Amino acid sequence: MAVTQRAASASEPHPSAVRNPYSVLPNWAYPAIVVTVLSLFGIYAAWVVLLNTQGRFGPYLSPFYSPEIRVWLIPPALWVAWAPLAFRATCYYYRKAYFRGFLWHPRSCAVREPERGTYRGETRLWAFNNLHRFAFYATVLQVAFLWYDAGAAFWGNGAPHAGLGSVILLVNVICLSGYTFGCHAFRHLAGGSVDCFSCHRARHRLWKGVTVLNVRHDRWAWVSLFTVWLADLYVRGLLFGVIPHGAWN
């Protein structure tokens, strides 16, 4: 019996051109955005951490320098930057982002990735991802310092002070808190190991609260990255005289 196949319409996508069923963007768009943004932020962060020693202007302290630690000739931001770097580098969302962006592993949902050797999971070089929970502990401590800095930004020269920088630092720490406390590791600590939620009602309520943040963890990850960037740019603009000094700032 002869079987005839219908010829593909010109308007239909080629069988090999698989599209991500969860996005209208082309498959290359997400990886390209991730590589561009993370590369630019990485270059900027390296410049701030390694080549700058000042991060305070009046009551405003850049998040790269909080808490302020100055020991000998070591750049002060080096004492701080390792914690958020470790936290974001081992973050479940960012792992997906840089695996897809920099390694195309894979570049999108339902898209075949390049030929590779045997899959070994997160071992060897990627074993450092197992440190995520410990990086979370360090980041929680830093977020506490940032809340102090945000409060201190509303007080200057012995009197209450409310400027644009105060608002930026407050928005930054709110976004960082949303990202940090929506973390998958914290969600597991809150209730992931509990088999009976009715037996642990307090942990169940905490787990549900963390879940509210966790379902938008990717949004918190990107927004908090940009608010950190903005906060440092603002403080650095004041230090370099790019932003004029006035009562409003």
Protein backbone atom coordinates (compact mmCIF):
# COMPACT_ATOMS: atom_id res chain seq x y z
CA MET A 1 0.00 0.00 0.00
CA ALA A 2 1.42 3.35 -1.01
CA VAL A 3 1.53 6.08 1.59
CA THR A 4 1.74 9.70 0.55
CA GLN A 5 3.02 12.41 2.83
CA ARG A 6 1.65 15.93 2.76
CA ALA A 7 4.24 18.42 1.59
CA ALA A 8 5.24 20.95 4.26
CA SER A 9 3.69 24.34 3.78
CA ALA A 10 5.99 27.27 3.25
CA SER A 11 4.46 28.90 6.31
CA GLU A 12 5.25 25.91 8.57
CA PRO A 13 8.57 25.86 10.46
CA HIS A 14 11.23 23.44 9.33
CA PRO A 15 11.23 20.26 11.51
CA SER A 16 14.71 21.11 12.78
CA ALA A 17 13.70 24.66 13.74
CA VAL A 18 12.16 23.73 17.08
CA ARG A 19 10.69 26.65 19.00
CA ASN A 20 10.53 27.06 22.75
CA PRO A 21 6.86 26.32 23.59
CA TYR A 22 7.01 28.71 26.56
CA SER A 23 8.25 31.84 24.75
CA VAL A 24 7.50 33.77 21.58
CA LEU A 25 11.13 34.91 21.38
CA PRO A 26 13.58 33.15 19.05
CA ASN A 27 15.73 30.49 20.74
CA TRP A 28 18.87 32.60 20.57
CA ALA A 29 17.34 35.67 22.28
CA TYR A 30 17.43 34.48 25.90
CA PRO A 31 21.03 33.19 25.79
CA ALA A 32 22.18 36.37 24.03
CA ILE A 33 20.56 38.61 26.64
CA VAL A 34 22.02 36.56 29.50
CA VAL A 35 25.54 36.63 28.05
CA THR A 36 25.38 40.36 27.32
CA VAL A 37 23.99 41.46 30.71
CA LEU A 38 26.09 39.14 32.87
CA SER A 39 29.27 39.96 30.94
CA LEU A 40 28.72 43.71 31.26
CA PHE A 41 27.87 43.43 34.95
CA GLY A 42 30.87 41.15 35.54
CA ILE A 43 33.26 43.64 33.90
CA TYR A 44 31.76 46.53 35.87
CA ALA A 45 31.88 44.58 39.16
CA ALA A 46 35.52 43.61 38.59
CA TRP A 47 36.40 47.27 37.99
CA VAL A 48 34.61 48.34 41.17
CA VAL A 49 36.01 45.56 43.35
CA LEU A 50 39.60 45.45 42.13
CA LEU A 51 40.36 49.01 41.00
CA ASN A 52 38.40 51.17 43.43
CA THR A 53 38.76 51.74 47.15
CA GLN A 54 35.96 54.23 47.86
CA GLY A 55 32.29 53.33 48.09
CA ARG A 56 30.82 55.88 50.49
CA PHE A 57 29.43 59.35 49.90
CA GLY A 58 27.90 60.99 52.96
CA PRO A 59 25.28 58.63 54.40
CA TYR A 60 25.28 56.46 51.26
CA LEU A 61 27.29 53.25 51.10
CA SER A 62 27.56 51.21 47.91
CA PRO A 63 26.33 47.60 48.30
CA PHE A 64 29.71 46.45 46.96
CA TYR A 65 31.33 47.82 50.13
CA SER A 66 28.86 46.75 52.81
CA PRO A 67 29.99 46.06 55.48
CA GLU A 68 32.95 48.42 55.37
CA ILE A 69 36.15 46.46 56.04
CA ARG A 70 39.55 48.01 55.50
CA VAL A 71 42.65 45.92 56.13
CA TRP A 72 46.03 47.07 54.84
CA LEU A 73 46.18 47.49 51.02
CA ILE A 74 43.53 44.91 50.19
CA PRO A 75 40.63 46.51 48.22
CA PRO A 76 37.76 46.73 50.72
CA ALA A 77 35.17 45.35 48.30
CA LEU A 78 37.11 42.06 48.12
CA TRP A 79 36.02 41.30 51.68
CA VAL A 80 32.39 41.58 50.57
CA ALA A 81 32.07 40.58 46.91
CA TRP A 82 32.81 36.88 47.39
CA ALA A 83 29.50 36.27 49.21
CA PRO A 84 27.04 37.59 46.59
CA LEU A 85 29.25 36.17 43.83
CA ALA A 86 29.15 32.69 45.37
CA PHE A 87 25.42 32.99 46.04
CA ARG A 88 24.51 34.03 42.51
CA ALA A 89 26.98 31.69 40.80
CA THR A 90 25.46 28.68 42.62
CA CYS A 91 21.85 29.95 42.48
CA TYR A 92 19.45 27.46 40.87
CA TYR A 93 18.09 30.10 38.50
CA TYR A 94 21.46 31.56 37.52
CA ARG A 95 22.82 28.08 36.91
CA LYS A 96 20.10 27.62 34.31
CA ALA A 97 20.81 31.08 32.90
CA TYR A 98 24.57 30.71 32.42
CA PHE A 99 24.38 27.06 31.35
CA ARG A 100 22.00 28.10 28.57
CA GLY A 101 23.68 31.40 27.80
CA PHE A 102 27.38 30.62 27.88
CA LEU A 103 27.36 26.85 27.30
CA TRP A 104 24.15 26.27 25.29
CA HIS A 105 23.42 23.40 27.61
CA PRO A 106 20.71 23.57 26.23
CA ARG A 107 20.02 27.03 24.82
CA SER A 108 16.24 26.70 25.24
CA CYS A 109 13.44 24.30 26.16
CA ALA A 110 12.80 21.51 23.63
CA VAL A 111 15.91 22.46 21.65
CA ARG A 112 18.62 19.91 20.95
CA GLU A 113 22.01 20.89 22.32
CA PRO A 114 25.41 20.28 20.69
CA GLU A 115 26.94 16.83 20.87
CA ARG A 116 28.71 16.28 24.18
CA GLY A 117 30.44 13.55 26.09
CA THR A 118 28.99 11.53 28.94
CA TYR A 119 26.74 13.53 31.26
CA ARG A 120 28.36 13.67 34.70
CA GLY A 121 25.97 15.95 36.53
CA GLU A 122 27.33 18.66 38.79
CA THR A 123 30.62 17.00 39.56
CA ARG A 124 34.27 17.93 39.04
CA LEU A 125 34.35 21.65 38.18
CA TRP A 126 30.63 22.08 38.94
CA ALA A 127 30.86 20.53 42.40
CA PHE A 128 31.13 24.05 43.83
CA ASN A 129 27.37 24.41 43.23
CA ASN A 130 26.89 22.25 46.31
CA LEU A 131 28.06 25.24 48.36
CA HIS A 132 24.88 27.18 47.60
CA ARG A 133 23.33 26.76 51.04
CA PHE A 134 26.48 28.02 52.76
CA ALA A 135 26.62 31.00 50.39
CA PHE A 136 23.00 31.68 51.39
CA TYR A 137 24.00 31.97 55.05
CA ALA A 138 26.72 34.50 54.22
CA THR A 139 24.37 36.49 51.99
CA VAL A 140 21.70 36.69 54.70
CA LEU A 141 24.29 38.33 56.95
CA GLN A 142 25.20 40.81 54.23
CA VAL A 143 21.54 41.65 53.59
CA ALA A 144 21.24 42.48 57.30
CA PHE A 145 24.08 44.99 56.90
CA LEU A 146 22.40 46.43 53.81
CA TRP A 147 19.18 47.00 55.78
CA TYR A 148 21.24 48.92 58.33
CA ASP A 149 22.81 50.95 55.51
CA ALA A 150 19.38 51.71 54.03
CA GLY A 151 18.21 53.00 57.41
CA ALA A 152 21.39 55.02 57.90
CA ALA A 153 20.86 56.62 54.48
CA PHE A 154 17.84 58.44 55.94
CA TRP A 155 20.01 60.12 58.54
CA GLY A 156 22.82 62.53 57.72
CA ASN A 157 24.70 65.34 59.47
CA GLY A 158 22.89 64.63 62.71
CA ALA A 159 19.41 65.09 61.26
CA PRO A 160 16.83 63.14 59.26
CA HIS A 161 17.67 63.05 55.58
CA ALA A 162 15.61 61.81 52.66
CA GLY A 163 17.24 62.00 49.25
CA LEU A 164 17.15 60.10 45.99
CA GLY A 165 20.06 57.97 47.21
CA SER A 166 18.08 56.99 50.31
CA VAL A 167 15.23 55.72 48.14
CA ILE A 168 17.59 53.86 45.79
CA LEU A 169 19.33 52.06 48.67
CA LEU A 170 15.98 51.14 50.23
CA VAL A 171 14.59 49.78 46.95
CA ASN A 172 17.84 47.86 46.44
CA VAL A 173 17.72 46.07 49.79
CA ILE A 174 14.02 45.26 49.32
CA CYS A 175 14.78 43.63 45.96
CA LEU A 176 17.82 41.81 47.38
CA SER A 177 15.67 40.51 50.24
CA GLY A 178 13.07 39.27 47.77
CA TYR A 179 15.79 37.46 45.84
CA THR A 180 17.62 36.09 48.89
CA PHE A 181 14.59 34.89 50.85
CA GLY A 182 12.92 33.43 47.77
CA CYS A 183 15.94 31.18 47.32
CA HIS A 184 15.32 27.46 46.71
CA ALA A 185 17.74 26.57 49.52
CA PHE A 186 15.80 28.71 52.01
CA ARG A 187 12.52 27.21 50.80
CA HIS A 188 13.93 23.76 51.51
CA LEU A 189 15.14 24.87 54.94
CA ALA A 190 11.71 26.34 55.68
CA GLY A 191 9.73 23.22 54.90
CA GLY A 192 11.27 21.07 52.21
CA SER A 193 12.34 18.38 54.66
CA VAL A 194 8.97 18.22 56.43
CA ASP A 195 6.78 15.21 55.63
CA CYS A 196 3.81 16.35 57.72
CA PHE A 197 2.87 20.00 57.31
CA SER A 198 -0.09 19.68 59.68
CA CYS A 199 2.40 18.64 62.36
CA HIS A 200 4.56 21.74 61.76
CA ARG A 201 2.12 24.58 61.11
CA ALA A 202 4.62 27.37 61.73
CA ARG A 203 7.08 25.91 59.23
CA HIS A 204 4.24 25.36 56.78
CA ARG A 205 3.29 29.06 56.96
CA LEU A 206 6.94 30.04 56.53
CA TRP A 207 7.27 27.67 53.57
CA LYS A 208 4.19 29.17 51.90
CA GLY A 209 5.57 32.65 52.43
CA VAL A 210 8.91 31.72 50.87
CA THR A 211 7.05 30.05 47.99
CA VAL A 212 5.35 33.36 47.13
CA LEU A 213 8.81 34.82 46.47
CA ASN A 214 10.20 31.61 44.97
CA VAL A 215 7.69 31.39 42.11
CA ARG A 216 9.14 34.66 40.76
CA HIS A 217 12.73 33.90 41.72
CA ASP A 218 14.01 34.65 38.23
CA ARG A 219 12.43 38.13 38.29
CA TRP A 220 13.91 38.88 41.71
CA ALA A 221 17.30 37.65 40.45
CA TRP A 222 17.38 40.11 37.54
CA VAL A 223 15.74 43.07 39.30
CA SER A 224 18.09 42.81 42.29
CA LEU A 225 21.09 42.60 39.95
CA PHE A 226 20.08 45.89 38.31
CA THR A 227 19.30 47.62 41.63
CA VAL A 228 22.77 46.72 42.96
CA TRP A 229 24.22 48.13 39.73
CA LEU A 230 22.10 51.28 40.00
CA ALA A 231 22.95 51.83 43.68
CA ASP A 232 26.69 51.65 43.02
CA LEU A 233 26.42 53.84 39.92
CA TYR A 234 24.57 56.47 41.94
CA VAL A 235 27.11 56.51 44.78
CA ARG A 236 29.99 56.50 42.31
CA GLY A 237 28.38 59.32 40.34
CA LEU A 238 28.32 61.40 43.51
CA LEU A 239 31.95 60.51 44.31
CA PHE A 240 33.16 61.46 40.83
CA GLY A 241 31.06 64.63 40.69
CA VAL A 242 29.03 63.37 37.73
CA ILE A 243 25.84 63.79 39.76
CA PRO A 244 25.60 67.32 41.19
CA HIS A 245 25.55 67.58 44.98
CA GLY A 246 22.32 68.98 46.35
CA ALA A 247 19.76 68.59 49.12
CA TRP A 248 17.68 66.32 46.89
CA ASN A 249 20.38 63.67 46.69
